[in-house]
Amino acid sequence: MRRAPAFWGKPAGLEAALLAPIGAVFGCMSARRMTRPPRARAAVPVVCIGNFVAGGAGKTPTALLIAGIARELGRRPVFLSRGYGGREAGPLAVDPARHDAADVGDEPLLLAAAAPTVVSRDRPAGAVLASTLGDLIVMDDGFQNPSLAKDLSIVVVDGGFGIGNGRCIPAGPLRAPLPVQLDRADAVLVIGDPAPALAHLDAALTAHRTPRFAGHLVPRDPAHLAGRRVVAFAGIGRPEKFFDSVRKTGAIIAATRPFPDHHAFTEKDAADLLSLCASEAAVPLTTAKDGARLPALPVTGEPAQGQGRPEGIASRPSRRAGAVAVAAREESSGALGRLARMVLILDVALDLGEDAAALTALLSGALARAEQRNQARASS
């Protein structure tokens, strides 16, 4: 995936104006699609975590947080993802011991470390399988997809980016016209410190009476990075957010290297990063999502050199077994394998602060209404 154009995040200028007619057509088409009635309803409640714009906003940490809250409410959450970047069409239950990012995508691997996870390009078909694995579906992305009915839609917004220039793709980052999306959003979660660009969105939220929550991404274990020289690299929607998080840990950033979202790292990428680390006397540092796209490490029973790796990444075993294990060792001896053994992971968690109780109440109420609806449907 290419990186988002820089003009998407600036006040509408010449480039946006030239692309505005195409954006208007795209907006009309996406609006018509979003307003279609769903063709299926899952046997269990569905909570969708989406965003208004193309690119990263913090959906995966939000999905993990919602699953954690659901457990506290006595639920058994299961994640449903399209599996962007993976070859498997699904429906398929993700097994981190057998699947890698090339199979199912990077995000499902992270989710599967926390709860059962299903990937499926057909959301309703995936929901059928997911319903057998838990009693609540947490859908990572899919807000603009009308195929599966949703009981609660939480839209995540990057506080520093907002909705960009407010125009539809390709003139801007919006996936559909904002009013159409707001009509289907039950709540908005702003992650990070709000920038002036968020004022337009705040006005729209007030007009639509859409609840607004705030949260921050907090490093889980920043102490091991304080004072260390690092080369920070990331292939996510907005790499600058990751670099800012690294600075807050007290790490000394020797260099940064941004890559496109969901970037598939090559041997050359790895060799360049390792060379840069050597010249800067630094260690490589990346996100958990990027770590999921590095080669699986051989099964040794020992932790990886990168002690910052979260569960499900550092200890993720190779899919290969038997005689093929020799090939796996040869593969991991290349630059990618060396990078995988050296890299540190900055794992983050979403902290809602004072808004945690209100979001829990919102989720609890939505689940209660969904249960009442399902009971009424079953008795009719």
Protein backbone atom coordinates (compact mmCIF):
# COMPACT_ATOMS: atom_id res chain seq x y z
CA MET A 1 0.00 0.00 0.00
CA ARG A 2 1.28 3.47 -0.88
CA ARG A 3 1.66 6.18 1.72
CA ALA A 4 -1.16 8.72 1.90
CA PRO A 5 -0.52 11.91 -0.12
CA ALA A 6 0.74 14.77 2.03
CA PHE A 7 -1.95 17.14 0.74
CA TRP A 8 -4.67 15.00 2.35
CA GLY A 9 -3.64 16.39 5.71
CA LYS A 10 -3.51 20.06 4.67
CA PRO A 11 -6.20 22.65 3.95
CA ALA A 12 -7.67 21.96 0.51
CA GLY A 13 -5.33 23.36 -2.16
CA LEU A 14 -4.73 22.96 -5.87
CA GLU A 15 -4.16 19.20 -5.83
CA ALA A 16 -7.34 18.57 -3.86
CA ALA A 17 -9.30 20.93 -6.12
CA LEU A 18 -8.13 19.15 -9.28
CA LEU A 19 -9.17 15.77 -7.85
CA ALA A 20 -12.42 17.05 -6.33
CA PRO A 21 -14.66 15.89 -9.24
CA ILE A 22 -13.33 12.34 -8.91
CA GLY A 23 -13.71 12.55 -5.14
CA ALA A 24 -17.33 13.65 -5.57
CA VAL A 25 -18.08 10.61 -7.74
CA PHE A 26 -16.31 8.31 -5.28
CA GLY A 27 -18.22 9.90 -2.42
CA CYS A 28 -21.57 9.33 -4.13
CA MET A 29 -20.74 5.70 -4.84
CA SER A 30 -19.49 5.00 -1.31
CA ALA A 31 -22.51 6.77 0.20
CA ARG A 32 -24.89 4.60 -1.83
CA ARG A 33 -23.00 1.50 -0.73
CA MET A 34 -23.03 2.47 2.95
CA THR A 35 -26.78 3.08 2.94
CA ARG A 36 -27.64 -0.37 1.61
CA PRO A 37 -29.45 -2.58 4.12
CA PRO A 38 -27.29 -5.37 5.60
CA ARG A 39 -27.71 -8.76 3.97
CA ALA A 40 -26.98 -10.71 7.15
CA ARG A 41 -27.14 -10.48 10.93
CA ALA A 42 -24.84 -12.58 13.09
CA ALA A 43 -26.13 -14.94 15.75
CA VAL A 44 -24.22 -12.90 18.36
CA PRO A 45 -23.80 -9.13 18.86
CA VAL A 46 -21.36 -7.33 16.55
CA VAL A 47 -19.22 -4.36 17.59
CA CYS A 48 -17.45 -2.65 14.70
CA ILE A 49 -14.24 -0.64 15.13
CA GLY A 50 -13.75 1.59 12.09
CA ASN A 51 -12.47 4.94 10.92
CA PHE A 52 -13.68 7.76 8.69
CA VAL A 53 -10.51 8.00 6.62
CA ALA A 54 -8.03 5.83 4.77
CA GLY A 55 -4.92 5.05 6.77
CA GLY A 56 -4.13 4.21 10.35
CA ALA A 57 -6.01 5.65 13.29
CA GLY A 58 -5.64 3.08 16.08
CA LYS A 59 -8.35 0.53 15.25
CA THR A 60 -6.39 -2.52 16.39
CA PRO A 61 -5.52 -1.19 19.89
CA THR A 62 -9.16 -0.11 20.20
CA ALA A 63 -10.40 -3.57 19.20
CA LEU A 64 -8.11 -5.10 21.83
CA LEU A 65 -9.41 -2.67 24.45
CA ILE A 66 -13.06 -3.42 23.61
CA ALA A 67 -12.36 -7.14 23.85
CA GLY A 68 -10.83 -6.59 27.29
CA ILE A 69 -13.86 -4.61 28.46
CA ALA A 70 -16.14 -7.31 27.06
CA ARG A 71 -14.34 -9.95 29.12
CA GLU A 72 -14.91 -7.87 32.24
CA LEU A 73 -18.61 -7.91 31.33
CA GLY A 74 -18.53 -11.71 31.20
CA ARG A 75 -18.33 -12.03 27.42
CA ARG A 76 -16.21 -14.28 25.23
CA PRO A 77 -15.07 -11.97 22.42
CA VAL A 78 -13.87 -13.16 19.03
CA PHE A 79 -12.25 -10.90 16.45
CA LEU A 80 -13.37 -10.73 12.82
CA SER A 81 -11.02 -9.18 10.26
CA ARG A 82 -10.84 -8.97 6.50
CA GLY A 83 -7.22 -10.05 6.74
CA TYR A 84 -5.82 -7.23 4.65
CA GLY A 85 -2.53 -8.19 3.03
CA GLY A 86 -3.05 -11.94 3.51
CA ARG A 87 -3.58 -14.51 0.79
CA GLU A 88 -6.30 -16.45 2.63
CA ALA A 89 -9.85 -15.48 1.61
CA GLY A 90 -11.41 -17.35 4.54
CA PRO A 91 -13.45 -17.88 6.55
CA LEU A 92 -10.47 -19.11 8.53
CA ALA A 93 -9.64 -19.26 12.23
CA VAL A 94 -6.17 -17.77 12.71
CA ASP A 95 -3.55 -20.02 14.28
CA PRO A 96 -0.35 -18.07 15.06
CA ALA A 97 1.53 -21.38 15.18
CA ARG A 98 0.69 -22.10 11.52
CA HIS A 99 -0.13 -18.78 9.89
CA ASP A 100 2.02 -15.75 9.17
CA ALA A 101 1.30 -12.26 7.88
CA ALA A 102 1.48 -13.45 4.27
CA ASP A 103 -1.38 -15.85 5.05
CA VAL A 104 -3.74 -13.74 7.15
CA GLY A 105 -2.30 -10.22 7.40
CA ASP A 106 -0.41 -8.56 10.25
CA GLU A 107 -3.33 -7.27 12.32
CA PRO A 108 -5.06 -10.68 12.73
CA LEU A 109 -1.82 -12.13 14.10
CA LEU A 110 -1.77 -9.49 16.83
CA LEU A 111 -5.45 -10.00 17.59
CA ALA A 112 -5.09 -13.78 17.70
CA ALA A 113 -2.61 -13.45 20.57
CA ALA A 114 -5.45 -11.98 22.64
CA ALA A 115 -8.60 -13.85 21.55
CA PRO A 116 -9.92 -16.21 18.86
CA THR A 117 -9.67 -14.48 15.49
CA VAL A 118 -11.34 -15.16 12.15
CA VAL A 119 -10.29 -13.71 8.80
CA SER A 120 -12.79 -13.55 5.98
CA ARG A 121 -13.18 -11.29 2.97
CA ASP A 122 -16.89 -12.13 3.13
CA ARG A 123 -17.94 -10.61 6.47
CA PRO A 124 -21.24 -12.51 6.88
CA ALA A 125 -19.52 -15.82 6.15
CA GLY A 126 -16.81 -14.95 8.65
CA ALA A 127 -19.45 -14.05 11.23
CA VAL A 128 -20.94 -17.55 10.96
CA LEU A 129 -17.60 -19.11 11.91
CA ALA A 130 -16.85 -16.45 14.53
CA SER A 131 -20.20 -17.07 16.22
CA THR A 132 -19.10 -20.63 17.00
CA LEU A 133 -15.97 -19.38 18.79
CA GLY A 134 -17.43 -16.76 21.13
CA ASP A 135 -20.53 -14.79 22.08
CA LEU A 136 -19.44 -11.34 20.85
CA ILE A 137 -17.86 -10.37 17.54
CA VAL A 138 -15.42 -7.45 17.58
CA MET A 139 -14.93 -6.46 13.96
CA ASP A 140 -11.63 -4.76 13.14
CA ASP A 141 -12.52 -2.35 10.30
CA GLY A 142 -15.57 -2.79 8.06
CA PHE A 143 -17.44 0.35 9.12
CA GLN A 144 -18.17 1.28 5.50
CA ASN A 145 -19.09 -2.31 4.59
CA PRO A 146 -22.88 -2.77 4.86
CA SER A 147 -22.99 -6.55 4.39
CA LEU A 148 -23.10 -7.43 8.11
CA ALA A 149 -25.44 -5.74 10.59
CA LYS A 150 -23.67 -3.96 13.44
CA ASP A 151 -24.98 -3.49 16.97
CA LEU A 152 -22.42 -0.83 17.88
CA SER A 153 -20.06 1.15 15.64
CA ILE A 154 -17.14 2.96 17.24
CA VAL A 155 -15.15 5.17 14.87
CA VAL A 156 -11.52 5.85 15.75
CA VAL A 157 -9.93 9.19 14.84
CA ASP A 158 -6.28 10.22 14.97
CA GLY A 159 -6.34 13.39 17.07
CA GLY A 160 -3.44 14.92 15.19
CA PHE A 161 -4.91 14.25 11.74
CA GLY A 162 -8.66 14.41 12.25
CA ILE A 163 -10.40 14.03 8.90
CA GLY A 164 -7.62 15.73 6.96
CA ASN A 165 -8.88 18.21 4.38
CA GLY A 166 -12.40 16.82 4.70
CA ARG A 167 -12.67 15.58 1.11
CA CYS A 168 -13.31 12.11 -0.28
CA ILE A 169 -10.71 9.86 -1.88
CA PRO A 170 -8.68 10.72 -3.97
CA ALA A 171 -9.07 14.45 -3.25
CA GLY A 172 -8.81 13.74 0.48
CA PRO A 173 -8.74 10.87 2.96
CA LEU A 174 -12.49 10.39 3.64
CA ARG A 175 -13.82 6.95 2.71
CA ALA A 176 -17.31 8.41 2.30
CA PRO A 177 -18.96 11.81 2.88
CA LEU A 178 -18.73 12.71 6.56
CA PRO A 179 -22.51 13.23 7.14
CA VAL A 180 -23.25 9.74 5.77
CA GLN A 181 -20.63 8.21 8.03
CA LEU A 182 -21.76 10.15 11.10
CA ASP A 183 -25.31 8.89 10.60
CA ARG A 184 -23.99 5.37 11.21
CA ALA A 185 -21.48 6.07 13.98
CA ASP A 186 -22.62 5.35 17.53
CA ALA A 187 -19.50 6.91 19.07
CA VAL A 188 -16.20 8.49 18.10
CA LEU A 189 -12.93 7.81 19.90
CA VAL A 190 -10.19 10.39 19.40
CA ILE A 191 -6.73 8.97 20.04
CA GLY A 192 -3.92 11.37 20.86
CA ASP A 193 -3.81 15.08 21.57
CA PRO A 194 -6.40 16.90 19.43
CA ALA A 195 -5.00 19.30 16.83
CA PRO A 196 -6.71 22.43 15.45
CA ALA A 197 -7.70 20.36 12.41
CA LEU A 198 -10.14 18.49 14.66
CA ALA A 199 -12.39 21.54 15.12
CA HIS A 200 -14.48 20.79 12.01
CA LEU A 201 -15.09 17.23 13.15
CA ASP A 202 -15.99 18.34 16.68
CA ALA A 203 -18.61 20.71 15.26
CA ALA A 204 -20.09 17.89 13.18
CA LEU A 205 -20.15 15.55 16.19
CA THR A 206 -22.00 18.17 18.22
CA ALA A 207 -24.55 18.64 15.44
CA HIS A 208 -25.12 14.87 15.20
CA ARG A 209 -25.08 14.44 19.01
CA THR A 210 -22.49 11.71 18.60
CA PRO A 211 -20.71 10.72 21.85
CA ARG A 212 -16.99 11.56 21.81
CA PHE A 213 -14.37 9.77 23.87
CA ALA A 214 -10.66 10.45 24.20
CA GLY A 215 -7.71 8.11 24.68
CA HIS A 216 -3.94 7.88 24.38
CA LEU A 217 -1.61 5.12 23.25
CA VAL A 218 0.76 4.33 26.11
CA PRO A 219 3.92 2.17 25.81
CA ARG A 220 3.55 -1.01 27.86
CA ASP A 221 7.19 -1.20 28.95
CA PRO A 222 9.09 2.00 28.12
CA ALA A 223 11.81 1.51 30.75
CA HIS A 224 13.86 -0.89 28.61
CA LEU A 225 14.20 1.79 25.92
CA ALA A 226 15.21 4.78 28.05
CA GLY A 227 18.65 6.02 26.99
CA ARG A 228 19.08 3.43 24.22
CA ARG A 229 20.10 4.47 20.73
CA VAL A 230 17.57 3.15 18.22
CA VAL A 231 16.80 3.20 14.52
CA ALA A 232 13.01 3.44 14.49
CA PHE A 233 11.18 2.09 11.45
CA ALA A 234 7.50 1.55 10.76
CA GLY A 235 5.22 0.54 7.91
CA ILE A 236 1.92 1.79 9.32
CA GLY A 237 -0.65 4.36 8.24
CA ARG A 238 1.09 7.25 10.01
CA PRO A 239 4.67 6.35 10.97
CA GLU A 240 5.20 9.78 12.55
CA LYS A 241 2.87 8.79 15.40
CA PHE A 242 5.11 5.84 16.18
CA PHE A 243 8.24 7.98 16.09
CA ASP A 244 6.60 10.41 18.53
CA SER A 245 5.79 7.52 20.86
CA VAL A 246 9.42 6.39 20.73
CA ARG A 247 10.62 9.85 21.74
CA LYS A 248 8.34 9.79 24.77
CA THR A 249 10.03 6.63 26.08
CA GLY A 250 13.35 8.41 26.52
CA ALA A 251 15.01 6.46 23.72
CA ILE A 252 17.65 8.24 21.64
CA ILE A 253 16.50 8.15 18.02
CA ALA A 254 19.56 7.89 15.78
CA ALA A 255 17.46 7.67 12.61
CA THR A 256 13.91 7.00 11.42
CA ARG A 257 12.75 5.05 8.38
CA PRO A 258 9.06 5.22 7.34
CA PHE A 259 7.60 2.58 5.04
CA PRO A 260 4.18 2.31 3.36
CA ASP A 261 1.31 0.85 5.38
CA HIS A 262 1.38 -2.98 5.54
CA HIS A 263 4.77 -2.95 3.79
CA ALA A 264 6.22 -6.38 3.04
CA PHE A 265 9.84 -6.07 4.12
CA THR A 266 12.46 -7.31 1.65
CA GLU A 267 16.00 -8.55 2.11
CA LYS A 268 17.23 -5.19 0.83
CA ASP A 269 15.08 -3.32 3.35
CA ALA A 270 16.50 -5.45 6.14
CA ALA A 271 20.09 -5.11 4.91
CA ASP A 272 19.73 -1.32 4.70
CA LEU A 273 18.28 -1.14 8.22
CA LEU A 274 21.01 -3.37 9.65
CA SER A 275 23.70 -1.29 7.93
CA LEU A 276 22.18 1.89 9.32
CA CYS A 277 22.06 0.39 12.81
CA ALA A 278 25.72 -0.59 12.56
CA SER A 279 26.81 2.86 11.41
CA GLU A 280 24.76 4.56 14.14
CA ALA A 281 25.69 2.08 16.89
CA ALA A 282 21.96 1.59 17.46
CA VAL A 283 19.41 -1.22 17.68
CA PRO A 284 16.39 -1.53 15.36
CA LEU A 285 13.00 -0.69 16.86
CA THR A 286 9.56 -1.08 15.30
CA THR A 287 5.86 -1.59 16.01
CA ALA A 288 4.17 -4.84 16.99
CA LYS A 289 2.31 -4.76 13.67
CA ASP A 290 5.57 -4.51 11.71
CA GLY A 291 7.11 -7.21 13.87
CA ALA A 292 4.33 -9.54 12.75
CA ARG A 293 5.52 -9.15 9.15
CA LEU A 294 9.08 -10.21 9.89
CA PRO A 295 10.04 -13.89 9.52
CA ALA A 296 8.82 -16.31 12.16
CA LEU A 297 11.61 -17.25 14.53
CA PRO A 298 12.73 -20.87 14.99
CA VAL A 299 11.24 -22.68 17.97
CA THR A 300 13.90 -22.60 20.70
CA GLY A 301 11.90 -22.07 23.87
CA GLU A 302 14.03 -18.99 24.55
CA PRO A 303 12.90 -15.38 24.22
CA ALA A 304 14.12 -13.37 21.27
CA GLN A 305 16.91 -10.87 21.67
CA GLY A 306 14.31 -8.13 21.30
CA GLN A 307 12.84 -8.23 24.78
CA GLY A 308 10.19 -5.69 23.86
CA ARG A 309 8.32 -8.12 21.65
CA PRO A 310 4.76 -8.87 22.75
CA GLU A 311 3.44 -12.38 23.22
CA GLY A 312 2.58 -13.94 19.89
CA ILE A 313 5.40 -12.22 18.00
CA ALA A 314 8.76 -13.10 19.55
CA SER A 315 7.63 -16.60 20.47
CA ARG A 316 5.69 -17.17 17.25
CA PRO A 317 7.02 -20.47 15.90
CA SER A 318 7.94 -21.24 12.34
CA ARG A 319 5.14 -22.81 10.33
CA ARG A 320 7.59 -25.29 8.90
CA ALA A 321 8.37 -28.67 10.44
CA GLY A 322 10.45 -31.77 9.83
CA ALA A 323 12.88 -31.69 6.91
CA VAL A 324 11.61 -28.28 5.86
CA ALA A 325 13.00 -26.83 9.11
CA VAL A 326 16.43 -26.77 7.43
CA ALA A 327 15.05 -24.40 4.82
CA ALA A 328 13.55 -22.30 7.58
CA ARG A 329 16.94 -21.97 9.27
CA GLU A 330 18.55 -21.03 5.97
CA GLU A 331 15.82 -18.46 5.32
CA SER A 332 16.22 -16.93 8.78
CA SER A 333 19.98 -16.60 8.24
CA GLY A 334 19.46 -13.81 5.69
CA ALA A 335 19.16 -10.13 6.46
CA LEU A 336 15.45 -10.48 7.28
CA GLY A 337 16.20 -13.26 9.73
CA ARG A 338 18.96 -11.25 11.39
CA LEU A 339 16.66 -8.24 11.65
CA ALA A 340 13.94 -10.42 13.20
CA ARG A 341 16.38 -11.64 15.85
CA MET A 342 17.71 -8.17 16.69
CA VAL A 343 14.63 -5.97 16.53
CA LEU A 344 12.98 -4.48 19.59
CA ILE A 345 9.22 -3.96 19.64
CA LEU A 346 7.51 -0.95 21.17
CA ASP A 347 4.19 -2.42 22.25
CA VAL A 348 1.43 0.04 23.15
CA ALA A 349 -1.93 -0.11 24.91
CA LEU A 350 -4.88 2.26 24.68
CA ASP A 351 -5.62 4.22 27.86
CA LEU A 352 -9.04 5.91 28.08
CA GLY A 353 -8.51 7.51 31.47
CA GLU A 354 -11.73 9.03 32.80
CA ASP A 355 -13.68 7.98 29.68
CA ALA A 356 -13.27 4.25 30.38
CA ALA A 357 -16.41 4.01 32.52
CA ALA A 358 -18.57 5.82 29.95
CA LEU A 359 -17.36 3.62 27.10
CA THR A 360 -17.99 0.51 29.21
CA ALA A 361 -21.55 1.71 29.84
CA LEU A 362 -22.05 2.34 26.11
CA LEU A 363 -20.86 -1.17 25.27
CA SER A 364 -22.94 -2.76 28.02
CA GLY A 365 -26.08 -0.99 26.84
CA ALA A 366 -25.52 -1.98 23.21
CA LEU A 367 -25.04 -5.63 24.19
CA ALA A 368 -28.21 -5.60 26.28
CA ARG A 369 -30.24 -4.20 23.37
CA ALA A 370 -28.73 -6.74 21.00
CA GLU A 371 -29.68 -9.59 23.32
CA GLN A 372 -33.26 -8.31 23.59
CA ARG A 373 -33.49 -8.10 19.81
CA ASN A 374 -32.10 -11.60 19.35
CA GLN A 375 -34.54 -13.00 21.93
CA ALA A 376 -37.46 -11.28 20.23
CA ARG A 377 -36.35 -12.61 16.86
CA ALA A 378 -35.99 -16.14 18.25
CA SER A 379 -39.48 -16.09 19.78
CA SER A 380 -41.21 -14.71 16.68
